[in-house]
Amino acid sequence: MKSLLLAALMLAAAPSFALEFDASIASGMTLARAAAESGEDMALATLYSRLFTLQDKRRETELRSDEAEFAIDDIVLAWNKFDDRMTKPLLKVIAIDPNHRDYPNNTESEKLKILASVRVQIRVQKLAALEFKRVARDTEEVKALIAEHLARRKP
């Protein structure tokens, strides 16, 4: 339950981070092009290249998480042939907690297979959230290196 709350909070914070990240990329691209054209500051161009790579990784991570969420939507449809009152959040809770009152018993093998596929998608989302945090940390480190490099650079 705590991990679901944590994932929900991380997903809520992602759009604000994305806006800041995109704004810094736009301003950085201008500096990187100028540095690459002049050929005098390859270190800065390399740092911005790393920043662009991190932006791509962030987008890939968001896509993986979104794909897992859409897969869970499809899985809920498969579950609805057994119980049409099932919602996605409830199915996630049931899949995670084998002691839940609605968890199927051992004889309901098809329901157990459905829950196993939900757990796989939840795991994909958790890994994507961890990757997103790592990319955010790396982005901040690269931004700090860029700021340090620009501070040392002659005007």
C-alpha atoms as a PDB file:
ATOM      1  CA  MET A   1       0.000   0.000   0.000  1.00  0.00           C
ATOM      2  CA  LYS A   2       2.855   2.373   0.845  1.00  0.00           C
ATOM      3  CA  SER A   3       4.563   1.593  -2.462  1.00  0.00           C
ATOM      4  CA  LEU A   4       1.393   2.464  -4.379  1.00  0.00           C
ATOM      5  CA  LEU A   5       1.188   5.776  -2.562  1.00  0.00           C
ATOM      6  CA  LEU A   6       4.855   6.457  -3.298  1.00  0.00           C
ATOM      7  CA  ALA A   7       4.370   5.633  -6.991  1.00  0.00           C
ATOM      8  CA  ALA A   8       1.316   7.908  -7.162  1.00  0.00           C
ATOM      9  CA  LEU A   9       3.271  10.775  -5.592  1.00  0.00           C
ATOM     10  CA  MET A  10       6.162  10.269  -7.997  1.00  0.00           C
ATOM     11  CA  LEU A  11       3.826  10.277 -10.986  1.00  0.00           C
ATOM     12  CA  ALA A  12       2.186  13.461  -9.712  1.00  0.00           C
ATOM     13  CA  ALA A  13       5.567  15.194  -9.420  1.00  0.00           C
ATOM     14  CA  ALA A  14       6.780  14.057 -12.845  1.00  0.00           C
ATOM     15  CA  PRO A  15       5.022  16.735 -14.961  1.00  0.00           C
ATOM     16  CA  SER A  16       6.513  19.659 -13.015  1.00  0.00           C
ATOM     17  CA  PHE A  17       9.974  18.134 -13.302  1.00  0.00           C
ATOM     18  CA  ALA A  18       9.434  17.575 -17.019  1.00  0.00           C
ATOM     19  CA  LEU A  19       8.598  21.244 -17.619  1.00  0.00           C
ATOM     20  CA  GLU A  20      11.734  22.436 -15.806  1.00  0.00           C
ATOM     21  CA  PHE A  21      13.824  19.853 -17.620  1.00  0.00           C
ATOM     22  CA  ASP A  22      12.520  20.850 -21.065  1.00  0.00           C
ATOM     23  CA  ALA A  23      13.094  24.554 -20.398  1.00  0.00           C
ATOM     24  CA  SER A  24      16.701  23.928 -19.408  1.00  0.00           C
ATOM     25  CA  ILE A  25      17.215  21.739 -22.469  1.00  0.00           C
ATOM     26  CA  ALA A  26      15.992  24.496 -24.791  1.00  0.00           C
ATOM     27  CA  SER A  27      18.386  27.061 -23.345  1.00  0.00           C
ATOM     28  CA  GLY A  28      21.170  24.510 -23.237  1.00  0.00           C
ATOM     29  CA  MET A  29      20.731  23.575 -26.850  1.00  0.00           C
ATOM     30  CA  THR A  30      21.489  27.121 -27.916  1.00  0.00           C
ATOM     31  CA  LEU A  31      24.705  27.135 -25.897  1.00  0.00           C
ATOM     32  CA  ALA A  32      25.700  23.687 -27.130  1.00  0.00           C
ATOM     33  CA  ARG A  33      25.243  24.650 -30.781  1.00  0.00           C
ATOM     34  CA  ALA A  34      27.330  27.776 -30.299  1.00  0.00           C
ATOM     35  CA  ALA A  35      30.064  25.800 -28.534  1.00  0.00           C
ATOM     36  CA  ALA A  36      30.081  23.062 -31.168  1.00  0.00           C
ATOM     37  CA  GLU A  37      30.163  25.539 -34.067  1.00  0.00           C
ATOM     38  CA  SER A  38      33.085  27.451 -32.608  1.00  0.00           C
ATOM     39  CA  GLY A  39      34.924  24.207 -31.859  1.00  0.00           C
ATOM     40  CA  GLU A  40      36.509  25.793 -28.825  1.00  0.00           C
ATOM     41  CA  ASP A  41      34.526  24.181 -26.043  1.00  0.00           C
ATOM     42  CA  MET A  42      34.081  20.478 -26.655  1.00  0.00           C
ATOM     43  CA  ALA A  43      33.668  19.759 -22.944  1.00  0.00           C
ATOM     44  CA  LEU A  44      30.542  21.896 -22.814  1.00  0.00           C
ATOM     45  CA  ALA A  45      29.191  20.273 -25.970  1.00  0.00           C
ATOM     46  CA  THR A  46      29.830  16.853 -24.424  1.00  0.00           C
ATOM     47  CA  LEU A  47      28.001  17.805 -21.241  1.00  0.00           C
ATOM     48  CA  TYR A  48      25.012  19.019 -23.206  1.00  0.00           C
ATOM     49  CA  SER A  49      25.113  15.858 -25.280  1.00  0.00           C
ATOM     50  CA  ARG A  50      24.892  13.884 -22.034  1.00  0.00           C
ATOM     51  CA  LEU A  51      21.970  16.059 -20.966  1.00  0.00           C
ATOM     52  CA  PHE A  52      20.164  15.288 -24.231  1.00  0.00           C
ATOM     53  CA  THR A  53      20.804  11.578 -23.730  1.00  0.00           C
ATOM     54  CA  LEU A  54      19.312  11.795 -20.253  1.00  0.00           C
ATOM     55  CA  GLN A  55      16.265  13.512 -21.706  1.00  0.00           C
ATOM     56  CA  ASP A  56      15.804  10.590 -24.095  1.00  0.00           C
ATOM     57  CA  LYS A  57      16.156   8.122 -21.228  1.00  0.00           C
ATOM     58  CA  ARG A  58      13.561  10.055 -19.237  1.00  0.00           C
ATOM     59  CA  ARG A  59      11.105   9.825 -22.115  1.00  0.00           C
ATOM     60  CA  GLU A  60      11.771   6.098 -22.560  1.00  0.00           C
ATOM     61  CA  THR A  61      11.138   5.576 -18.855  1.00  0.00           C
ATOM     62  CA  GLU A  62       7.871   7.474 -19.008  1.00  0.00           C
ATOM     63  CA  LEU A  63       6.828   5.382 -22.004  1.00  0.00           C
ATOM     64  CA  ARG A  64       7.584   2.121 -20.178  1.00  0.00           C
ATOM     65  CA  SER A  65       5.506   3.226 -17.232  1.00  0.00           C
ATOM     66  CA  ASP A  66       2.641   4.332 -19.477  1.00  0.00           C
ATOM     67  CA  GLU A  67       2.766   1.058 -21.422  1.00  0.00           C
ATOM     68  CA  ALA A  68       2.497  -0.885 -18.175  1.00  0.00           C
ATOM     69  CA  GLU A  69      -0.477   1.225 -17.121  1.00  0.00           C
ATOM     70  CA  PHE A  70      -2.225   0.562 -20.440  1.00  0.00           C
ATOM     71  CA  ALA A  71      -1.477  -3.151 -20.098  1.00  0.00           C
ATOM     72  CA  ILE A  72      -3.159  -3.125 -16.695  1.00  0.00           C
ATOM     73  CA  ASP A  73      -6.185  -1.465 -18.331  1.00  0.00           C
ATOM     74  CA  ASP A  74      -6.366  -4.418 -20.728  1.00  0.00           C
ATOM     75  CA  ILE A  75      -5.950  -6.892 -17.892  1.00  0.00           C
ATOM     76  CA  VAL A  76      -8.865  -5.311 -16.037  1.00  0.00           C
ATOM     77  CA  LEU A  77     -10.995  -6.066 -19.093  1.00  0.00           C
ATOM     78  CA  ALA A  78      -9.958  -9.732 -18.875  1.00  0.00           C
ATOM     79  CA  TRP A  79     -10.901  -9.766 -15.185  1.00  0.00           C
ATOM     80  CA  ASN A  80     -14.283  -8.197 -15.919  1.00  0.00           C
ATOM     81  CA  LYS A  81     -15.562 -11.470 -17.355  1.00  0.00           C
ATOM     82  CA  PHE A  82     -15.428 -12.781 -13.778  1.00  0.00           C
ATOM     83  CA  ASP A  83     -16.438  -9.632 -11.918  1.00  0.00           C
ATOM     84  CA  ASP A  84     -17.610  -6.514 -13.750  1.00  0.00           C
ATOM     85  CA  ARG A  85     -17.318  -4.338 -10.623  1.00  0.00           C
ATOM     86  CA  MET A  86     -13.528  -4.540 -10.649  1.00  0.00           C
ATOM     87  CA  THR A  87     -11.584  -1.301 -10.948  1.00  0.00           C
ATOM     88  CA  LYS A  88      -7.933  -0.890 -11.827  1.00  0.00           C
ATOM     89  CA  PRO A  89      -6.825   0.425  -8.403  1.00  0.00           C
ATOM     90  CA  LEU A  90      -8.622  -2.416  -6.634  1.00  0.00           C
ATOM     91  CA  LEU A  91      -7.121  -5.008  -8.963  1.00  0.00           C
ATOM     92  CA  LYS A  92      -3.644  -3.619  -8.227  1.00  0.00           C
ATOM     93  CA  VAL A  93      -4.278  -3.878  -4.489  1.00  0.00           C
ATOM     94  CA  ILE A  94      -5.564  -7.439  -4.808  1.00  0.00           C
ATOM     95  CA  ALA A  95      -2.599  -8.481  -6.964  1.00  0.00           C
ATOM     96  CA  ILE A  96      -0.108  -7.167  -4.422  1.00  0.00           C
ATOM     97  CA  ASP A  97      -1.829  -8.533  -1.321  1.00  0.00           C
ATOM     98  CA  PRO A  98      -2.458 -12.300  -1.305  1.00  0.00           C
ATOM     99  CA  ASN A  99      -4.271 -11.891   2.025  1.00  0.00           C
ATOM    100  CA  HIS A 100      -6.867  -9.586   0.491  1.00  0.00           C
ATOM    101  CA  ARG A 101     -10.431 -10.848   0.945  1.00  0.00           C
ATOM    102  CA  ASP A 102     -11.017 -10.827  -2.847  1.00  0.00           C
ATOM    103  CA  TYR A 103      -7.824 -12.718  -3.692  1.00  0.00           C
ATOM    104  CA  PRO A 104      -8.774 -15.884  -5.617  1.00  0.00           C
ATOM    105  CA  ASN A 105      -8.215 -19.310  -4.147  1.00  0.00           C
ATOM    106  CA  ASN A 106      -5.915 -21.941  -5.645  1.00  0.00           C
ATOM    107  CA  THR A 107      -8.655 -23.484  -7.793  1.00  0.00           C
ATOM    108  CA  GLU A 108      -9.219 -20.267  -9.733  1.00  0.00           C
ATOM    109  CA  SER A 109      -6.153 -20.637 -11.928  1.00  0.00           C
ATOM    110  CA  GLU A 110      -7.264 -18.190 -14.614  1.00  0.00           C
ATOM    111  CA  LYS A 111      -7.734 -15.422 -12.053  1.00  0.00           C
ATOM    112  CA  LEU A 112      -4.341 -16.224 -10.551  1.00  0.00           C
ATOM    113  CA  LYS A 113      -2.722 -15.915 -13.991  1.00  0.00           C
ATOM    114  CA  ILE A 114      -4.391 -12.542 -14.470  1.00  0.00           C
ATOM    115  CA  LEU A 115      -3.107 -11.349 -11.092  1.00  0.00           C
ATOM    116  CA  ALA A 116       0.376 -12.590 -11.953  1.00  0.00           C
ATOM    117  CA  SER A 117       0.365 -10.466 -15.108  1.00  0.00           C
ATOM    118  CA  VAL A 118      -0.807  -7.453 -13.052  1.00  0.00           C
ATOM    119  CA  ARG A 119       2.120  -8.001 -10.673  1.00  0.00           C
ATOM    120  CA  VAL A 120       4.512  -8.053 -13.627  1.00  0.00           C
ATOM    121  CA  GLN A 121       3.183  -4.715 -14.866  1.00  0.00           C
ATOM    122  CA  ILE A 122       3.361  -3.209 -11.386  1.00  0.00           C
ATOM    123  CA  ARG A 123       6.976  -4.347 -11.172  1.00  0.00           C
ATOM    124  CA  VAL A 124       7.682  -2.669 -14.526  1.00  0.00           C
ATOM    125  CA  GLN A 125       6.182   0.550 -13.159  1.00  0.00           C
ATOM    126  CA  LYS A 126       8.265   0.370  -9.996  1.00  0.00           C
ATOM    127  CA  LEU A 127      11.441  -0.175 -12.001  1.00  0.00           C
ATOM    128  CA  ALA A 128      10.517   2.724 -14.270  1.00  0.00           C
ATOM    129  CA  ALA A 129       9.999   4.938 -11.211  1.00  0.00           C
ATOM    130  CA  LEU A 130      13.466   3.979  -9.928  1.00  0.00           C
ATOM    131  CA  GLU A 131      14.979   4.667 -13.339  1.00  0.00           C
ATOM    132  CA  PHE A 132      13.195   8.021 -13.434  1.00  0.00           C
ATOM    133  CA  LYS A 133      14.737   8.932 -10.072  1.00  0.00           C
ATOM    134  CA  ARG A 134      18.180   7.886 -11.293  1.00  0.00           C
ATOM    135  CA  VAL A 135      17.836   9.942 -14.468  1.00  0.00           C
ATOM    136  CA  ALA A 136      16.678  12.935 -12.422  1.00  0.00           C
ATOM    137  CA  ARG A 137      19.708  12.588 -10.140  1.00  0.00           C
ATOM    138  CA  ASP A 138      22.084  12.259 -13.102  1.00  0.00           C
ATOM    139  CA  THR A 139      20.453  15.250 -14.776  1.00  0.00           C
ATOM    140  CA  GLU A 140      21.025  17.392 -11.718  1.00  0.00           C
ATOM    141  CA  GLU A 141      24.674  16.307 -11.614  1.00  0.00           C
ATOM    142  CA  VAL A 142      25.166  17.167 -15.286  1.00  0.00           C
ATOM    143  CA  LYS A 143      23.431  20.526 -14.815  1.00  0.00           C
ATOM    144  CA  ALA A 144      25.773  21.270 -11.907  1.00  0.00           C
ATOM    145  CA  LEU A 145      28.784  20.374 -14.075  1.00  0.00           C
ATOM    146  CA  ILE A 146      27.491  22.632 -16.847  1.00  0.00           C
ATOM    147  CA  ALA A 147      26.959  25.499 -14.424  1.00  0.00           C
ATOM    148  CA  GLU A 148      30.464  24.984 -13.012  1.00  0.00           C
ATOM    149  CA  HIS A 149      31.932  24.870 -16.500  1.00  0.00           C
ATOM    150  CA  LEU A 150      30.101  28.018 -17.583  1.00  0.00           C
ATOM    151  CA  ALA A 151      31.260  29.818 -14.425  1.00  0.00           C
ATOM    152  CA  ARG A 152      34.898  29.004 -15.250  1.00  0.00           C
ATOM    153  CA  ARG A 153      34.524  29.939 -18.883  1.00  0.00           C
ATOM    154  CA  LYS A 154      35.745  33.296 -20.125  1.00  0.00           C
ATOM    155  CA  PRO A 155      32.971  35.705 -21.188  1.00  0.00           C
END
